[in-house]
């Protein structure tokens, strides 16, 4: 029985190794995709916060220094 298993293992070694590599590659690819998506979400949130803070700065400046002209005009 053990000898038969060894023969089958030896005969199918390339297929088994290929399967292990394919499964580990799929797992790593999924991990990298999740990390990339998380980084994209964090980057988008950071730029959104910066844009909102810029608008708040304009509002505070207008409130403090009076009605200044709009810098975008």
N, C-alpha and C. Protein backbone atom coordinates (compact mmCIF):
# COMPACT_ATOMS: atom_id res chain seq x y z
N UNK A 1 0.83 -1.19 0.00
CA UNK A 1 0.00 0.00 0.00
C UNK A 1 0.87 1.25 0.00
N UNK A 2 1.85 1.32 0.91
CA UNK A 2 2.71 2.49 0.97
C UNK A 2 3.55 2.61 -0.28
N UNK A 3 3.97 1.47 -0.83
CA UNK A 3 4.76 1.47 -2.05
C UNK A 3 3.92 1.99 -3.22
N UNK A 4 2.66 1.62 -3.27
CA UNK A 4 1.75 2.07 -4.33
C UNK A 4 1.54 3.58 -4.22
N UNK A 5 1.39 4.07 -3.00
CA UNK A 5 1.20 5.51 -2.78
C UNK A 5 2.43 6.28 -3.23
N UNK A 6 3.61 5.77 -2.92
CA UNK A 6 4.86 6.42 -3.33
C UNK A 6 4.99 6.47 -4.85
N UNK A 7 4.59 5.39 -5.51
CA UNK A 7 4.66 5.36 -6.97
C UNK A 7 3.70 6.39 -7.57
N UNK A 8 2.51 6.47 -7.01
CA UNK A 8 1.54 7.45 -7.51
C UNK A 8 2.02 8.87 -7.24
N UNK A 9 2.58 9.08 -6.08
CA UNK A 9 3.12 10.40 -5.73
C UNK A 9 4.25 10.78 -6.68
N UNK A 10 5.13 9.84 -6.95
CA UNK A 10 6.26 10.09 -7.86
C UNK A 10 5.77 10.33 -9.28
N UNK A 11 4.78 9.58 -9.71
CA UNK A 11 4.26 9.72 -11.07
C UNK A 11 3.51 11.04 -11.26
N UNK A 12 2.92 11.55 -10.20
CA UNK A 12 2.10 12.78 -10.29
C UNK A 12 2.75 13.97 -9.58
N UNK A 13 4.03 13.91 -9.37
CA UNK A 13 4.72 14.96 -8.62
C UNK A 13 4.60 16.31 -9.32
N UNK A 14 4.75 16.35 -10.62
CA UNK A 14 4.66 17.62 -11.35
C UNK A 14 3.26 18.22 -11.21
N UNK A 15 2.24 17.38 -11.32
CA UNK A 15 0.87 17.87 -11.19
C UNK A 15 0.60 18.39 -9.78
N UNK A 16 1.10 17.70 -8.78
CA UNK A 16 0.90 18.13 -7.39
C UNK A 16 1.62 19.44 -7.12
N UNK A 17 2.86 19.56 -7.60
CA UNK A 17 3.61 20.79 -7.42
C UNK A 17 2.92 21.94 -8.14
N UNK A 18 2.44 21.69 -9.35
CA UNK A 18 1.73 22.73 -10.11
C UNK A 18 0.48 23.18 -9.38
N UNK A 19 -0.24 22.25 -8.80
CA UNK A 19 -1.46 22.58 -8.05
C UNK A 19 -1.12 23.43 -6.83
N UNK A 20 -0.08 23.08 -6.10
CA UNK A 20 0.33 23.86 -4.93
C UNK A 20 0.73 25.27 -5.34
N UNK A 21 1.48 25.39 -6.42
CA UNK A 21 1.90 26.72 -6.89
C UNK A 21 0.69 27.54 -7.34
N UNK A 22 -0.24 26.91 -8.04
CA UNK A 22 -1.43 27.63 -8.52
C UNK A 22 -2.27 28.12 -7.35
N UNK A 23 -2.47 27.29 -6.36
CA UNK A 23 -3.28 27.70 -5.20
C UNK A 23 -2.59 28.80 -4.41
N UNK A 24 -1.27 28.68 -4.19
CA UNK A 24 -0.57 29.72 -3.45
C UNK A 24 -0.52 31.02 -4.25
N UNK A 25 -0.40 30.95 -5.56
CA UNK A 25 -0.42 32.16 -6.40
C UNK A 25 -1.77 32.84 -6.34
N UNK A 26 -2.83 32.07 -6.37
CA UNK A 26 -4.17 32.63 -6.27
C UNK A 26 -4.37 33.33 -4.93
N UNK A 27 -3.91 32.70 -3.87
CA UNK A 27 -4.01 33.32 -2.54
C UNK A 27 -3.23 34.62 -2.45
N UNK A 28 -2.02 34.62 -2.99
CA UNK A 28 -1.20 35.84 -2.94
C UNK A 28 -1.81 36.94 -3.80
N UNK A 29 -2.31 36.59 -4.97
CA UNK A 29 -2.93 37.57 -5.85
C UNK A 29 -4.15 38.19 -5.19
N UNK A 30 -4.95 37.39 -4.53
CA UNK A 30 -6.11 37.90 -3.81
C UNK A 30 -5.68 38.85 -2.70
N UNK A 31 -4.67 38.48 -1.96
CA UNK A 31 -4.15 39.33 -0.89
C UNK A 31 -3.68 40.67 -1.44
N UNK A 32 -2.91 40.66 -2.53
CA UNK A 32 -2.40 41.91 -3.13
C UNK A 32 -3.54 42.77 -3.65
N UNK A 33 -4.56 42.17 -4.24
CA UNK A 33 -5.70 42.94 -4.73
C UNK A 33 -6.44 43.62 -3.58
N UNK A 34 -6.58 42.91 -2.47
CA UNK A 34 -7.25 43.50 -1.31
C UNK A 34 -6.43 44.65 -0.74
N UNK A 35 -5.11 44.49 -0.67
CA UNK A 35 -4.26 45.57 -0.18
C UNK A 35 -4.30 46.78 -1.11
N UNK A 36 -4.29 46.54 -2.41
CA UNK A 36 -4.36 47.64 -3.37
C UNK A 36 -5.67 48.40 -3.24
N UNK A 37 -6.77 47.68 -3.07
CA UNK A 37 -8.07 48.32 -2.93
C UNK A 37 -8.13 49.13 -1.63
N UNK A 38 -7.57 48.59 -0.57
CA UNK A 38 -7.54 49.32 0.70
C UNK A 38 -6.72 50.60 0.57
N UNK A 39 -5.57 50.51 -0.10
CA UNK A 39 -4.74 51.71 -0.31
C UNK A 39 -5.46 52.74 -1.16
N UNK A 40 -6.18 52.29 -2.20
CA UNK A 40 -6.96 53.22 -3.03
C UNK A 40 -8.01 53.93 -2.21
N UNK A 41 -8.71 53.19 -1.34
CA UNK A 41 -9.75 53.79 -0.51
C UNK A 41 -9.16 54.81 0.46
N UNK A 42 -8.03 54.48 1.06
CA UNK A 42 -7.40 55.41 1.99
C UNK A 42 -6.93 56.66 1.27
N UNK A 43 -6.33 56.50 0.08
CA UNK A 43 -5.86 57.63 -0.70
C UNK A 43 -7.03 58.54 -1.10
N UNK A 44 -8.13 57.95 -1.54
CA UNK A 44 -9.30 58.73 -1.92
C UNK A 44 -9.85 59.50 -0.72
N UNK A 45 -9.92 58.84 0.43
CA UNK A 45 -10.41 59.50 1.65
C UNK A 45 -9.50 60.65 2.05
N UNK A 46 -8.20 60.46 1.92
CA UNK A 46 -7.25 61.53 2.28
C UNK A 46 -7.42 62.74 1.38
N UNK A 47 -7.56 62.53 0.08
CA UNK A 47 -7.75 63.67 -0.82
C UNK A 47 -9.09 64.34 -0.59
N UNK A 48 -10.11 63.57 -0.25
CA UNK A 48 -11.41 64.15 0.06
C UNK A 48 -11.31 65.04 1.30
N UNK A 49 -10.61 64.56 2.31
CA UNK A 49 -10.43 65.36 3.53
C UNK A 49 -9.66 66.64 3.22
N UNK A 50 -8.61 66.54 2.41
CA UNK A 50 -7.84 67.74 2.06
C UNK A 50 -8.70 68.75 1.31
N UNK A 51 -9.54 68.27 0.39
CA UNK A 51 -10.42 69.17 -0.36
C UNK A 51 -11.42 69.86 0.59
N UNK A 52 -12.00 69.08 1.49
CA UNK A 52 -12.96 69.65 2.45
C UNK A 52 -12.27 70.64 3.39
N UNK A 53 -11.05 70.34 3.81
CA UNK A 53 -10.32 71.27 4.67
C UNK A 53 -10.00 72.57 3.93
N UNK A 54 -9.72 72.48 2.64
CA UNK A 54 -9.49 73.69 1.85
C UNK A 54 -10.74 74.55 1.78
N UNK A 55 -11.89 73.90 1.60
CA UNK A 55 -13.15 74.65 1.58
C UNK A 55 -13.43 75.27 2.95
N UNK A 56 -13.13 74.54 4.01
CA UNK A 56 -13.31 75.09 5.36
C UNK A 56 -12.40 76.28 5.59
N UNK A 57 -11.15 76.19 5.09
CA UNK A 57 -10.21 77.30 5.24
C UNK A 57 -10.74 78.54 4.55
N UNK A 58 -11.29 78.39 3.35
CA UNK A 58 -11.86 79.54 2.63
C UNK A 58 -13.02 80.12 3.42
N UNK A 59 -13.88 79.27 3.97
CA UNK A 59 -15.02 79.74 4.76
C UNK A 59 -14.56 80.50 5.99
N UNK A 60 -13.57 79.97 6.70
CA UNK A 60 -13.06 80.63 7.90
C UNK A 60 -12.39 81.96 7.54
N UNK A 61 -11.61 81.97 6.46
CA UNK A 61 -10.97 83.22 6.04
C UNK A 61 -11.99 84.28 5.69
N UNK A 62 -13.03 83.92 4.96
CA UNK A 62 -14.08 84.88 4.61
C UNK A 62 -14.80 85.38 5.85
N UNK A 63 -15.04 84.47 6.77
CA UNK A 63 -15.74 84.85 8.00
C UNK A 63 -14.87 85.78 8.84
N UNK A 64 -13.58 85.54 8.89
CA UNK A 64 -12.69 86.32 9.74
C UNK A 64 -12.27 87.62 9.10
N UNK A 65 -11.94 87.60 7.82
CA UNK A 65 -11.38 88.78 7.16
C UNK A 65 -12.42 89.53 6.33
N UNK A 66 -13.64 89.10 6.34
CA UNK A 66 -14.67 89.79 5.57
C UNK A 66 -14.89 89.09 4.24
N UNK A 67 -15.69 89.71 3.42
CA UNK A 67 -16.06 89.11 2.15
C UNK A 67 -14.94 89.31 1.14
N UNK A 68 -14.06 88.33 1.04
CA UNK A 68 -12.95 88.40 0.08
C UNK A 68 -13.42 87.83 -1.25
N UNK A 69 -12.78 88.22 -2.33
CA UNK A 69 -13.16 87.65 -3.63
C UNK A 69 -12.84 86.16 -3.67
N UNK A 70 -13.65 85.42 -4.41
CA UNK A 70 -13.47 83.98 -4.55
C UNK A 70 -12.19 83.72 -5.34
N UNK A 71 -11.25 82.91 -4.81
CA UNK A 71 -9.99 82.67 -5.52
C UNK A 71 -10.17 81.87 -6.81
N UNK A 72 -11.31 81.22 -6.98
CA UNK A 72 -11.53 80.45 -8.18
C UNK A 72 -12.08 81.30 -9.31
N UNK A 73 -12.49 82.53 -9.04
CA UNK A 73 -13.03 83.41 -10.09
C UNK A 73 -11.94 84.02 -10.91
